[in-house]
Amino acid sequence: CGEYSPSYQKTVNCIQMCILSKVPQVQIIETVLNNTFYNVVDM
């Protein structure tokens, strides 16, 4: 079913929180998401 993302920022934070909660060896995590947007073609 997936999971709803209200923003790219929220998705980045979810990734970081998942890693920190499951991998205790990680202390600090830096994440950058360069976005690609798609436009619907008017036909």
PDB file of all heavy atoms in Angstrom:
ATOM      1  N   CYS A   1       0.800  -1.227   0.000  1.00  0.00           N
ATOM      2  CA  CYS A   1       0.000   0.000   0.000  1.00  0.00           C
ATOM      3  C   CYS A   1       0.832   1.276   0.000  1.00  0.00           C
ATOM      4  O   CYS A   1       0.303   2.352  -0.280  1.00  0.00           O
ATOM      5  CB  CYS A   1      -0.945   0.007   1.201  1.00  0.00           C
ATOM      6  SG  CYS A   1      -0.095  -0.062   2.799  1.00  0.00           S
ATOM      7  N   GLY A   2       2.117   1.189   0.321  1.00  0.00           N
ATOM      8  CA  GLY A   2       2.937   2.384   0.395  1.00  0.00           C
ATOM      9  C   GLY A   2       2.641   3.203   1.633  1.00  0.00           C
ATOM     10  O   GLY A   2       1.940   2.769   2.547  1.00  0.00           O
ATOM     11  N   GLU A   3       3.183   4.419   1.669  1.00  0.00           N
ATOM     12  CA  GLU A   3       2.949   5.345   2.776  1.00  0.00           C
ATOM     13  C   GLU A   3       2.951   6.763   2.235  1.00  0.00           C
ATOM     14  O   GLU A   3       3.822   7.138   1.445  1.00  0.00           O
ATOM     15  CB  GLU A   3       4.017   5.179   3.845  1.00  0.00           C
ATOM     16  CG  GLU A   3       3.773   6.020   5.080  1.00  0.00           C
ATOM     17  CD  GLU A   3       4.681   5.654   6.236  1.00  0.00           C
ATOM     18  OE1 GLU A   3       5.184   4.510   6.251  1.00  0.00           O
ATOM     19  OE2 GLU A   3       4.881   6.502   7.113  1.00  0.00           O
ATOM     20  N   TYR A   4       1.980   7.566   2.647  1.00  0.00           N
ATOM     21  CA  TYR A   4       1.817   8.904   2.082  1.00  0.00           C
ATOM     22  C   TYR A   4       2.948   9.828   2.517  1.00  0.00           C
ATOM     23  O   TYR A   4       3.341   9.852   3.691  1.00  0.00           O
ATOM     24  CB  TYR A   4       0.476   9.501   2.507  1.00  0.00           C
ATOM     25  CG  TYR A   4       0.206  10.844   1.866  1.00  0.00           C
ATOM     26  CD1 TYR A   4      -0.143  10.922   0.510  1.00  0.00           C
ATOM     27  CD2 TYR A   4       0.310  12.025   2.597  1.00  0.00           C
ATOM     28  CE1 TYR A   4      -0.392  12.149  -0.089  1.00  0.00           C
ATOM     29  CE2 TYR A   4       0.070  13.255   2.006  1.00  0.00           C
ATOM     30  CZ  TYR A   4      -0.276  13.312   0.660  1.00  0.00           C
ATOM     31  OH  TYR A   4      -0.519  14.533   0.075  1.00  0.00           O
ATOM     32  N   SER A   5       3.466  10.583   1.560  1.00  0.00           N
ATOM     33  CA  SER A   5       4.498  11.574   1.822  1.00  0.00           C
ATOM     34  C   SER A   5       3.920  12.968   1.589  1.00  0.00           C
ATOM     35  O   SER A   5       3.554  13.302   0.455  1.00  0.00           O
ATOM     36  CB  SER A   5       5.703  11.361   0.905  1.00  0.00           C
ATOM     37  OG  SER A   5       6.561  12.488   0.954  1.00  0.00           O
ATOM     38  N   PRO A   6       3.817  13.797   2.632  1.00  0.00           N
ATOM     39  CA  PRO A   6       3.285  15.143   2.443  1.00  0.00           C
ATOM     40  C   PRO A   6       4.309  16.131   1.882  1.00  0.00           C
ATOM     41  O   PRO A   6       3.946  17.249   1.525  1.00  0.00           O
ATOM     42  CB  PRO A   6       2.869  15.548   3.861  1.00  0.00           C
ATOM     43  CG  PRO A   6       3.806  14.805   4.748  1.00  0.00           C
ATOM     44  CD  PRO A   6       4.089  13.500   4.056  1.00  0.00           C
ATOM     45  N   SER A   7       5.574  15.735   1.827  1.00  0.00           N
ATOM     46  CA  SER A   7       6.613  16.609   1.280  1.00  0.00           C
ATOM     47  C   SER A   7       7.907  15.825   1.126  1.00  0.00           C
ATOM     48  O   SER A   7       8.100  14.778   1.760  1.00  0.00           O
ATOM     49  CB  SER A   7       6.861  17.819   2.203  1.00  0.00           C
ATOM     50  OG  SER A   7       7.439  17.396   3.425  1.00  0.00           O
ATOM     51  N   TYR A   8       8.811  16.357   0.311  1.00  0.00           N
ATOM     52  CA  TYR A   8      10.145  15.771   0.203  1.00  0.00           C
ATOM     53  C   TYR A   8      10.868  15.871   1.551  1.00  0.00           C
ATOM     54  O   TYR A   8      11.601  14.964   1.940  1.00  0.00           O
ATOM     55  CB  TYR A   8      10.956  16.497  -0.872  1.00  0.00           C
ATOM     56  CG  TYR A   8      10.655  16.061  -2.285  1.00  0.00           C
ATOM     57  CD1 TYR A   8       9.558  16.569  -2.982  1.00  0.00           C
ATOM     58  CD2 TYR A   8      11.466  15.149  -2.941  1.00  0.00           C
ATOM     59  CE1 TYR A   8       9.289  16.179  -4.276  1.00  0.00           C
ATOM     60  CE2 TYR A   8      11.215  14.754  -4.245  1.00  0.00           C
ATOM     61  CZ  TYR A   8      10.107  15.276  -4.907  1.00  0.00           C
ATOM     62  OH  TYR A   8       9.847  14.870  -6.193  1.00  0.00           O
ATOM     63  N   GLN A   9      10.644  16.978   2.264  1.00  0.00           N
ATOM     64  CA  GLN A   9      11.315  17.162   3.547  1.00  0.00           C
ATOM     65  C   GLN A   9      10.907  16.073   4.541  1.00  0.00           C
ATOM     66  O   GLN A   9      11.754  15.530   5.262  1.00  0.00           O
ATOM     67  CB  GLN A   9      10.973  18.542   4.120  1.00  0.00           C
ATOM     68  CG  GLN A   9      11.602  19.708   3.361  1.00  0.00           C
ATOM     69  CD  GLN A   9      10.746  20.202   2.205  1.00  0.00           C
ATOM     70  OE1 GLN A   9       9.907  19.464   1.675  1.00  0.00           O
ATOM     71  NE2 GLN A   9      10.960  21.442   1.804  1.00  0.00           N
ATOM     72  N   LYS A  10       9.619  15.761   4.593  1.00  0.00           N
ATOM     73  CA  LYS A  10       9.143  14.737   5.510  1.00  0.00           C
ATOM     74  C   LYS A  10       9.715  13.376   5.153  1.00  0.00           C
ATOM     75  O   LYS A  10      10.075  12.576   6.031  1.00  0.00           O
ATOM     76  CB  LYS A  10       7.613  14.693   5.496  1.00  0.00           C
ATOM     77  CG  LYS A  10       6.995  13.624   6.402  1.00  0.00           C
ATOM     78  CD  LYS A  10       7.375  13.814   7.856  1.00  0.00           C
ATOM     79  CE  LYS A  10       6.667  12.795   8.736  1.00  0.00           C
ATOM     80  NZ  LYS A  10       7.112  12.870  10.147  1.00  0.00           N
ATOM     81  N   THR A  11       9.833  13.088   3.859  1.00  0.00           N
ATOM     82  CA  THR A  11      10.417  11.825   3.418  1.00  0.00           C
ATOM     83  C   THR A  11      11.871  11.717   3.859  1.00  0.00           C
ATOM     84  O   THR A  11      12.324  10.669   4.327  1.00  0.00           O
ATOM     85  CB  THR A  11      10.305  11.687   1.890  1.00  0.00           C
ATOM     86  OG1 THR A  11       8.921  11.606   1.532  1.00  0.00           O
ATOM     87  CG2 THR A  11      11.014  10.439   1.393  1.00  0.00           C
ATOM     88  N   VAL A  12      12.631  12.814   3.716  1.00  0.00           N
ATOM     89  CA  VAL A  12      14.029  12.817   4.158  1.00  0.00           C
ATOM     90  C   VAL A  12      14.108  12.520   5.654  1.00  0.00           C
ATOM     91  O   VAL A  12      14.926  11.703   6.112  1.00  0.00           O
ATOM     92  CB  VAL A  12      14.694  14.174   3.832  1.00  0.00           C
ATOM     93  CG1 VAL A  12      16.000  14.344   4.604  1.00  0.00           C
ATOM     94  CG2 VAL A  12      14.958  14.282   2.332  1.00  0.00           C
ATOM     95  N   ASN A  13      13.244  13.163   6.448  1.00  0.00           N
ATOM     96  CA  ASN A  13      13.265  12.943   7.890  1.00  0.00           C
ATOM     97  C   ASN A  13      12.869  11.513   8.244  1.00  0.00           C
ATOM     98  O   ASN A  13      13.458  10.915   9.145  1.00  0.00           O
ATOM     99  CB  ASN A  13      12.328  13.927   8.587  1.00  0.00           C
ATOM    100  CG  ASN A  13      12.342  13.768  10.091  1.00  0.00           C
ATOM    101  OD1 ASN A  13      11.402  13.252  10.684  1.00  0.00           O
ATOM    102  ND2 ASN A  13      13.421  14.202  10.726  1.00  0.00           N
ATOM    103  N   CYS A  14      11.900  10.949   7.533  1.00  0.00           N
ATOM    104  CA  CYS A  14      11.501   9.558   7.792  1.00  0.00           C
ATOM    105  C   CYS A  14      12.648   8.598   7.529  1.00  0.00           C
ATOM    106  O   CYS A  14      12.851   7.627   8.269  1.00  0.00           O
ATOM    107  CB  CYS A  14      10.295   9.191   6.926  1.00  0.00           C
ATOM    108  SG  CYS A  14       8.743   9.940   7.453  1.00  0.00           S
ATOM    109  N   ILE A  15      13.419   8.854   6.471  1.00  0.00           N
ATOM    110  CA  ILE A  15      14.581   8.016   6.161  1.00  0.00           C
ATOM    111  C   ILE A  15      15.586   8.082   7.302  1.00  0.00           C
ATOM    112  O   ILE A  15      16.093   7.056   7.783  1.00  0.00           O
ATOM    113  CB  ILE A  15      15.223   8.463   4.829  1.00  0.00           C
ATOM    114  CG1 ILE A  15      14.314   8.092   3.647  1.00  0.00           C
ATOM    115  CG2 ILE A  15      16.609   7.849   4.657  1.00  0.00           C
ATOM    116  CD1 ILE A  15      14.754   8.684   2.324  1.00  0.00           C
ATOM    117  N   GLN A  16      15.872   9.287   7.776  1.00  0.00           N
ATOM    118  CA  GLN A  16      16.863   9.444   8.840  1.00  0.00           C
ATOM    119  C   GLN A  16      16.391   8.805  10.144  1.00  0.00           C
ATOM    120  O   GLN A  16      17.164   8.142  10.837  1.00  0.00           O
ATOM    121  CB  GLN A  16      17.154  10.927   9.037  1.00  0.00           C
ATOM    122  CG  GLN A  16      17.840  11.570   7.837  1.00  0.00           C
ATOM    123  CD  GLN A  16      17.981  13.066   8.001  1.00  0.00           C
ATOM    124  OE1 GLN A  16      17.074  13.740   8.460  1.00  0.00           O
ATOM    125  NE2 GLN A  16      19.139  13.592   7.627  1.00  0.00           N
ATOM    126  N   MET A  17      15.121   9.000  10.489  1.00  0.00           N
ATOM    127  CA  MET A  17      14.598   8.432  11.733  1.00  0.00           C
ATOM    128  C   MET A  17      14.599   6.906  11.686  1.00  0.00           C
ATOM    129  O   MET A  17      14.870   6.245  12.688  1.00  0.00           O
ATOM    130  CB  MET A  17      13.181   8.957  11.983  1.00  0.00           C
ATOM    131  CG  MET A  17      13.130  10.431  12.356  1.00  0.00           C
ATOM    132  SD  MET A  17      13.977  10.799  13.908  1.00  0.00           S
ATOM    133  CE  MET A  17      12.898   9.962  15.075  1.00  0.00           C
ATOM    134  N   CYS A  18      14.295   6.347  10.524  1.00  0.00           N
ATOM    135  CA  CYS A  18      14.306   4.897  10.374  1.00  0.00           C
ATOM    136  C   CYS A  18      15.710   4.348  10.595  1.00  0.00           C
ATOM    137  O   CYS A  18      15.901   3.347  11.310  1.00  0.00           O
ATOM    138  CB  CYS A  18      13.778   4.508   8.993  1.00  0.00           C
ATOM    139  SG  CYS A  18      13.670   2.731   8.704  1.00  0.00           S
ATOM    140  N   ILE A  19      16.705   5.012  10.024  1.00  0.00           N
ATOM    141  CA  ILE A  19      18.092   4.552  10.174  1.00  0.00           C
ATOM    142  C   ILE A  19      18.536   4.660  11.633  1.00  0.00           C
ATOM    143  O   ILE A  19      19.100   3.728  12.203  1.00  0.00           O
ATOM    144  CB  ILE A  19      19.022   5.359   9.254  1.00  0.00           C
ATOM    145  CG1 ILE A  19      18.717   5.043   7.777  1.00  0.00           C
ATOM    146  CG2 ILE A  19      20.496   5.066   9.572  1.00  0.00           C
ATOM    147  CD1 ILE A  19      19.406   5.968   6.802  1.00  0.00           C
ATOM    148  N   LEU A  20      18.287   5.799  12.265  1.00  0.00           N
ATOM    149  CA  LEU A  20      18.728   5.996  13.639  1.00  0.00           C
ATOM    150  C   LEU A  20      18.036   5.037  14.606  1.00  0.00           C
ATOM    151  O   LEU A  20      18.619   4.645  15.620  1.00  0.00           O
ATOM    152  CB  LEU A  20      18.489   7.441  14.066  1.00  0.00           C
ATOM    153  CG  LEU A  20      19.396   8.492  13.402  1.00  0.00           C
ATOM    154  CD1 LEU A  20      18.946   9.896  13.774  1.00  0.00           C
ATOM    155  CD2 LEU A  20      20.856   8.288  13.811  1.00  0.00           C
ATOM    156  N   SER A  21      16.788   4.660  14.292  1.00  0.00           N
ATOM    157  CA  SER A  21      16.059   3.763  15.188  1.00  0.00           C
ATOM    158  C   SER A  21      16.493   2.308  15.039  1.00  0.00           C
ATOM    159  O   SER A  21      16.378   1.526  15.978  1.00  0.00           O
ATOM    160  CB  SER A  21      14.553   3.886  14.940  1.00  0.00           C
ATOM    161  OG  SER A  21      14.212   3.402  13.647  1.00  0.00           O
ATOM    162  N   LYS A  22      17.001   1.932  13.863  1.00  0.00           N
ATOM    163  CA  LYS A  22      17.322   0.534  13.601  1.00  0.00           C
ATOM    164  C   LYS A  22      18.811   0.220  13.554  1.00  0.00           C
ATOM    165  O   LYS A  22      19.189  -0.953  13.583  1.00  0.00           O
ATOM    166  CB  LYS A  22      16.666   0.089  12.285  1.00  0.00           C
ATOM    167  CG  LYS A  22      15.140   0.088  12.341  1.00  0.00           C
ATOM    168  CD  LYS A  22      14.541  -0.511  11.087  1.00  0.00           C
ATOM    169  CE  LYS A  22      13.013  -0.583  11.180  1.00  0.00           C
ATOM    170  NZ  LYS A  22      12.419  -1.235  10.002  1.00  0.00           N
ATOM    171  N   VAL A  23      19.644   1.246  13.450  1.00  0.00           N
ATOM    172  CA  VAL A  23      21.090   1.016  13.332  1.00  0.00           C
ATOM    173  C   VAL A  23      21.800   1.818  14.415  1.00  0.00           C
ATOM    174  O   VAL A  23      22.125   2.996  14.225  1.00  0.00           O
ATOM    175  CB  VAL A  23      21.612   1.413  11.932  1.00  0.00           C
ATOM    176  CG1 VAL A  23      23.067   0.970  11.759  1.00  0.00           C
ATOM    177  CG2 VAL A  23      20.748   0.815  10.832  1.00  0.00           C
ATOM    178  N   PRO A  24      22.049   1.223  15.572  1.00  0.00           N
ATOM    179  CA  PRO A  24      22.619   1.974  16.689  1.00  0.00           C
ATOM    180  C   PRO A  24      24.043   2.465  16.445  1.00  0.00           C
ATOM    181  O   PRO A  24      24.501   3.381  17.131  1.00  0.00           O
ATOM    182  CB  PRO A  24      22.583   0.965  17.844  1.00  0.00           C
ATOM    183  CG  PRO A  24      22.516  -0.386  17.187  1.00  0.00           C
ATOM    184  CD  PRO A  24      21.736  -0.178  15.929  1.00  0.00           C
ATOM    185  N   GLN A  25      24.755   1.877  15.485  1.00  0.00           N
ATOM    186  CA  GLN A  25      26.132   2.312  15.214  1.00  0.00           C
ATOM    187  C   GLN A  25      26.188   3.710  14.592  1.00  0.00           C
ATOM    188  O   GLN A  25      27.223   4.379  14.626  1.00  0.00           O
ATOM    189  CB  GLN A  25      26.830   1.325  14.273  1.00  0.00           C
ATOM    190  CG  GLN A  25      26.993  -0.082  14.842  1.00  0.00           C
ATOM    191  CD  GLN A  25      25.829  -0.982  14.467  1.00  0.00           C
ATOM    192  OE1 GLN A  25      24.733  -0.511  14.180  1.00  0.00           O
ATOM    193  NE2 GLN A  25      26.066  -2.289  14.468  1.00  0.00           N
ATOM    194  N   VAL A  26      25.087   4.159  13.971  1.00  0.00           N
ATOM    195  CA  VAL A  26      25.061   5.460  13.296  1.00  0.00           C
ATOM    196  C   VAL A  26      24.826   6.565  14.321  1.00  0.00           C
ATOM    197  O   VAL A  26      23.890   6.498  15.117  1.00  0.00           O
ATOM    198  CB  VAL A  26      23.970   5.493  12.208  1.00  0.00           C
ATOM    199  CG1 VAL A  26      23.825   6.904  11.642  1.00  0.00           C
ATOM    200  CG2 VAL A  26      24.313   4.516  11.093  1.00  0.00           C
ATOM    201  N   GLN A  27      25.678   7.602  14.284  1.00  0.00           N
ATOM    202  CA  GLN A  27      25.564   8.723  15.216  1.00  0.00           C
ATOM    203  C   GLN A  27      24.922   9.953  14.580  1.00  0.00           C
ATOM    204  O   GLN A  27      24.066  10.594  15.178  1.00  0.00           O
ATOM    205  CB  GLN A  27      26.953   9.087  15.746  1.00  0.00           C
ATOM    206  CG  GLN A  27      27.614   7.956  16.517  1.00  0.00           C
ATOM    207  CD  GLN A  27      26.788   7.500  17.699  1.00  0.00           C
ATOM    208  OE1 GLN A  27      26.398   8.300  18.543  1.00  0.00           O
ATOM    209  NE2 GLN A  27      26.497   6.205  17.771  1.00  0.00           N
ATOM    210  N   ILE A  28      25.361  10.305  13.399  1.00  0.00           N
ATOM    211  CA  ILE A  28      24.850  11.478  12.679  1.00  0.00           C
ATOM    212  C   ILE A  28      24.646  11.080  11.229  1.00  0.00           C
ATOM    213  O   ILE A  28      25.457  10.348  10.653  1.00  0.00           O
ATOM    214  CB  ILE A  28      25.832  12.664  12.749  1.00  0.00           C
ATOM    215  CG1 ILE A  28      26.093  13.087  14.206  1.00  0.00           C
ATOM    216  CG2 ILE A  28      25.309  13.869  11.965  1.00  0.00           C
ATOM    217  CD1 ILE A  28      27.170  14.147  14.361  1.00  0.00           C
ATOM    218  N   ILE A  29      23.552  11.557  10.629  1.00  0.00           N
ATOM    219  CA  ILE A  29      23.300  11.244   9.221  1.00  0.00           C
ATOM    220  C   ILE A  29      22.897  12.506   8.470  1.00  0.00           C
ATOM    221  O   ILE A  29      22.030  13.260   8.909  1.00  0.00           O
ATOM    222  CB  ILE A  29      22.237  10.133   9.067  1.00  0.00           C
ATOM    223  CG1 ILE A  29      21.993   9.830   7.586  1.00  0.00           C
ATOM    224  CG2 ILE A  29      20.939  10.488   9.788  1.00  0.00           C
ATOM    225  CD1 ILE A  29      21.236   8.553   7.349  1.00  0.00           C
ATOM    226  N   GLU A  30      23.579  12.740   7.370  1.00  0.00           N
ATOM    227  CA  GLU A  30      23.289  13.863   6.468  1.00  0.00           C
ATOM    228  C   GLU A  30      22.587  13.307   5.225  1.00  0.00           C
ATOM    229  O   GLU A  30      23.062  12.340   4.633  1.00  0.00           O
ATOM    230  CB  GLU A  30      24.591  14.569   6.063  1.00  0.00           C
ATOM    231  CG  GLU A  30      24.424  15.637   5.006  1.00  0.00           C
ATOM    232  CD  GLU A  30      25.742  16.099   4.411  1.00  0.00           C
ATOM    233  OE1 GLU A  30      26.797  15.631   4.873  1.00  0.00           O
ATOM    234  OE2 GLU A  30      25.710  16.913   3.464  1.00  0.00           O
ATOM    235  N   THR A  31      21.475  13.920   4.843  1.00  0.00           N
ATOM    236  CA  THR A  31      20.716  13.435   3.695  1.00  0.00           C
ATOM    237  C   THR A  31      20.360  14.601   2.788  1.00  0.00           C
ATOM    238  O   THR A  31      19.900  15.643   3.255  1.00  0.00           O
ATOM    239  CB  THR A  31      19.419  12.727   4.147  1.00  0.00           C
ATOM    240  OG1 THR A  31      19.751  11.690   5.071  1.00  0.00           O
ATOM    241  CG2 THR A  31      18.694  12.115   2.962  1.00  0.00           C
ATOM    242  N   VAL A  32      20.572  14.411   1.493  1.00  0.00           N
ATOM    243  CA  VAL A  32      20.194  15.393   0.477  1.00  0.00           C
ATOM    244  C   VAL A  32      19.359  14.678  -0.570  1.00  0.00           C
ATOM    245  O   VAL A  32      19.748  13.609  -1.058  1.00  0.00           O
ATOM    246  CB  VAL A  32      21.430  16.035  -0.194  1.00  0.00           C
ATOM    247  CG1 VAL A  32      20.994  17.053  -1.240  1.00  0.00           C
ATOM    248  CG2 VAL A  32      22.334  16.680   0.844  1.00  0.00           C
ATOM    249  N   LEU A  33      18.206  15.253  -0.896  1.00  0.00           N
ATOM    250  CA  LEU A  33      17.342  14.689  -1.936  1.00  0.00           C
ATOM    251  C   LEU A  33      17.153  15.736  -3.017  1.00  0.00           C
ATOM    252  O   LEU A  33      16.496  16.765  -2.800  1.00  0.00           O
ATOM    253  CB  LEU A  33      15.993  14.270  -1.344  1.00  0.00           C
ATOM    254  CG  LEU A  33      15.002  13.601  -2.298  1.00  0.00           C
ATOM    255  CD1 LEU A  33      15.608  12.340  -2.915  1.00  0.00           C
ATOM    256  CD2 LEU A  33      13.699  13.264  -1.582  1.00  0.00           C
ATOM    257  N   ASN A  34      17.764  15.499  -4.170  1.00  0.00           N
ATOM    258  CA  ASN A  34      17.581  16.361  -5.340  1.00  0.00           C
ATOM    259  C   ASN A  34      16.360  15.873  -6.106  1.00  0.00           C
ATOM    260  O   ASN A  34      16.323  14.737  -6.565  1.00  0.00           O
ATOM    261  CB  ASN A  34      18.830  16.337  -6.228  1.00  0.00           C
ATOM    262  CG  ASN A  34      20.021  16.976  -5.542  1.00  0.00           C
ATOM    263  OD1 ASN A  34      19.905  17.987  -4.876  1.00  0.00           O
ATOM    264  ND2 ASN A  34      21.190  16.368  -5.688  1.00  0.00           N
ATOM    265  N   ASN A  35      15.375  16.752  -6.253  1.00  0.00           N
ATOM    266  CA  ASN A  35      14.073  16.338  -6.742  1.00  0.00           C
ATOM    267  C   ASN A  35      13.974  16.415  -8.261  1.00  0.00           C
ATOM    268  O   ASN A  35      14.530  17.319  -8.890  1.00  0.00           O
ATOM    269  CB  ASN A  35      12.970  17.221  -6.152  1.00  0.00           C
ATOM    270  CG  ASN A  35      13.178  17.488  -4.673  1.00  0.00           C
ATOM    271  OD1 ASN A  35      13.821  16.696  -3.984  1.00  0.00           O
ATOM    272  ND2 ASN A  35      12.650  18.592  -4.184  1.00  0.00           N
ATOM    273  N   THR A  36      13.257  15.482  -8.823  1.00  0.00           N
ATOM    274  CA  THR A  36      12.895  15.514 -10.237  1.00  0.00           C
ATOM    275  C   THR A  36      11.379  15.629 -10.329  1.00  0.00           C
ATOM    276  O   THR A  36      10.659  14.800  -9.770  1.00  0.00           O
ATOM    277  CB  THR A  36      13.349  14.242 -10.973  1.00  0.00           C
ATOM    278  OG1 THR A  36      14.773  14.123 -10.855  1.00  0.00           O
ATOM    279  CG2 THR A  36      12.974  14.299 -12.447  1.00  0.00           C
ATOM    280  N   PHE A  37      10.900  16.668 -11.019  1.00  0.00           N
ATOM    281  CA  PHE A  37       9.466  16.878 -11.167  1.00  0.00           C
ATOM    282  C   PHE A  37       9.022  16.441 -12.558  1.00  0.00           C
ATOM    283  O   PHE A  37       9.765  16.539 -13.542  1.00  0.00           O
ATOM    284  CB  PHE A  37       9.113  18.350 -10.948  1.00  0.00           C
ATOM    285  CG  PHE A  37       9.473  18.845  -9.573  1.00  0.00           C
ATOM    286  CD1 PHE A  37      10.513  19.739  -9.397  1.00  0.00           C
ATOM    287  CD2 PHE A  37       8.778  18.417  -8.462  1.00  0.00           C
ATOM    288  CE1 PHE A  37      10.854  20.203  -8.137  1.00  0.00           C
ATOM    289  CE2 PHE A  37       9.107  18.870  -7.189  1.00  0.00           C
ATOM    290  CZ  PHE A  37      10.144  19.766  -7.038  1.00  0.00           C
ATOM    291  N   TYR A  38       7.780  15.969 -12.635  1.00  0.00           N
ATOM    292  CA  TYR A  38       7.200  15.534 -13.906  1.00  0.00           C
ATOM    293  C   TYR A  38       5.917  16.311 -14.164  1.00  0.00           C
ATOM    294  O   TYR A  38       5.089  16.476 -13.263  1.00  0.00           O
ATOM    295  CB  TYR A  38       6.883  14.032 -13.873  1.00  0.00           C
ATOM    296  CG  TYR A  38       8.107  13.147 -13.934  1.00  0.00           C
ATOM    297  CD1 TYR A  38       8.821  12.845 -12.776  1.00  0.00           C
ATOM    298  CD2 TYR A  38       8.557  12.622 -15.144  1.00  0.00           C
ATOM    299  CE1 TYR A  38       9.948  12.038 -12.818  1.00  0.00           C
ATOM    300  CE2 TYR A  38       9.683  11.815 -15.199  1.00  0.00           C
ATOM    301  CZ  TYR A  38      10.371  11.527 -14.030  1.00  0.00           C
ATOM    302  OH  TYR A  38      11.495  10.728 -14.080  1.00  0.00           O
ATOM    303  N   ASN A  39       5.764  16.784 -15.399  1.00  0.00           N
ATOM    304  CA  ASN A  39       4.544  17.471 -15.808  1.00  0.00           C
ATOM    305  C   ASN A  39       3.727  16.575 -16.736  1.00  0.00           C
ATOM    306  O   ASN A  39       4.286  15.887 -17.607  1.00  0.00           O
ATOM    307  CB  ASN A  39       4.873  18.777 -16.538  1.00  0.00           C
ATOM    308  CG  ASN A  39       5.400  19.852 -15.590  1.00  0.00           C
ATOM    309  OD1 ASN A  39       5.088  19.841 -14.400  1.00  0.00           O
ATOM    310  ND2 ASN A  39       6.207  20.764 -16.108  1.00  0.00           N
ATOM    311  N   VAL A  40       2.418  16.595 -16.537  1.00  0.00           N
ATOM    312  CA  VAL A  40       1.521  15.822 -17.397  1.00  0.00           C
ATOM    313  C   VAL A  40       1.428  16.493 -18.760  1.00  0.00           C
ATOM    314  O   VAL A  40       1.241  17.714 -18.861  1.00  0.00           O
ATOM    315  CB  VAL A  40       0.126  15.706 -16.753  1.00  0.00           C
ATOM    316  CG1 VAL A  40      -0.819  14.927 -17.666  1.00  0.00           C
ATOM    317  CG2 VAL A  40       0.219  15.029 -15.389  1.00  0.00           C
ATOM    318  N   VAL A  41       1.572  15.714 -19.822  1.00  0.00           N
ATOM    319  CA  VAL A  41       1.493  16.249 -21.185  1.00  0.00           C
ATOM    320  C   VAL A  41       0.043  16.546 -21.536  1.00  0.00           C
ATOM    321  O   VAL A  41      -0.845  15.702 -21.362  1.00  0.00           O
ATOM    322  CB  VAL A  41       2.092  15.246 -22.190  1.00  0.00           C
ATOM    323  CG1 VAL A  41       1.955  15.775 -23.618  1.00  0.00           C
ATOM    324  CG2 VAL A  41       3.547  14.957 -21.868  1.00  0.00           C
ATOM    325  N   ASP A  42      -0.222  17.770 -22.011  1.00  0.00           N
ATOM    326  CA  ASP A  42      -1.564  18.160 -22.452  1.00  0.00           C
ATOM    327  C   ASP A  42      -1.815  17.584 -23.840  1.00  0.00           C
ATOM    328  O   ASP A  42      -1.148  17.943 -24.812  1.00  0.00           O
ATOM    329  CB  ASP A  42      -1.664  19.680 -22.478  1.00  0.00           C
ATOM    330  CG  ASP A  42      -3.071  20.147 -22.828  1.00  0.00           C
ATOM    331  OD1 ASP A  42      -3.955  19.288 -23.087  1.00  0.00           O
ATOM    332  OD2 ASP A  42      -3.303  21.371 -22.845  1.00  0.00           O
ATOM    333  N   MET A  43      -2.761  16.648 -23.938  1.00  0.00           N
ATOM    334  CA  MET A  43      -3.055  15.980 -25.203  1.00  0.00           C
ATOM    335  C   MET A  43      -4.441  16.334 -25.753  1.00  0.00           C
ATOM    336  O   MET A  43      -4.957  15.624 -26.612  1.00  0.00           O
ATOM    337  CB  MET A  43      -2.941  14.462 -25.030  1.00  0.00           C
ATOM    338  CG  MET A  43      -1.535  13.969 -24.779  1.00  0.00           C
ATOM    339  SD  MET A  43      -1.418  12.164 -24.746  1.00  0.00           S
ATOM    340  CE  MET A  43       0.344  11.927 -24.803  1.00  0.00           C
TER     341      MET A  43
END
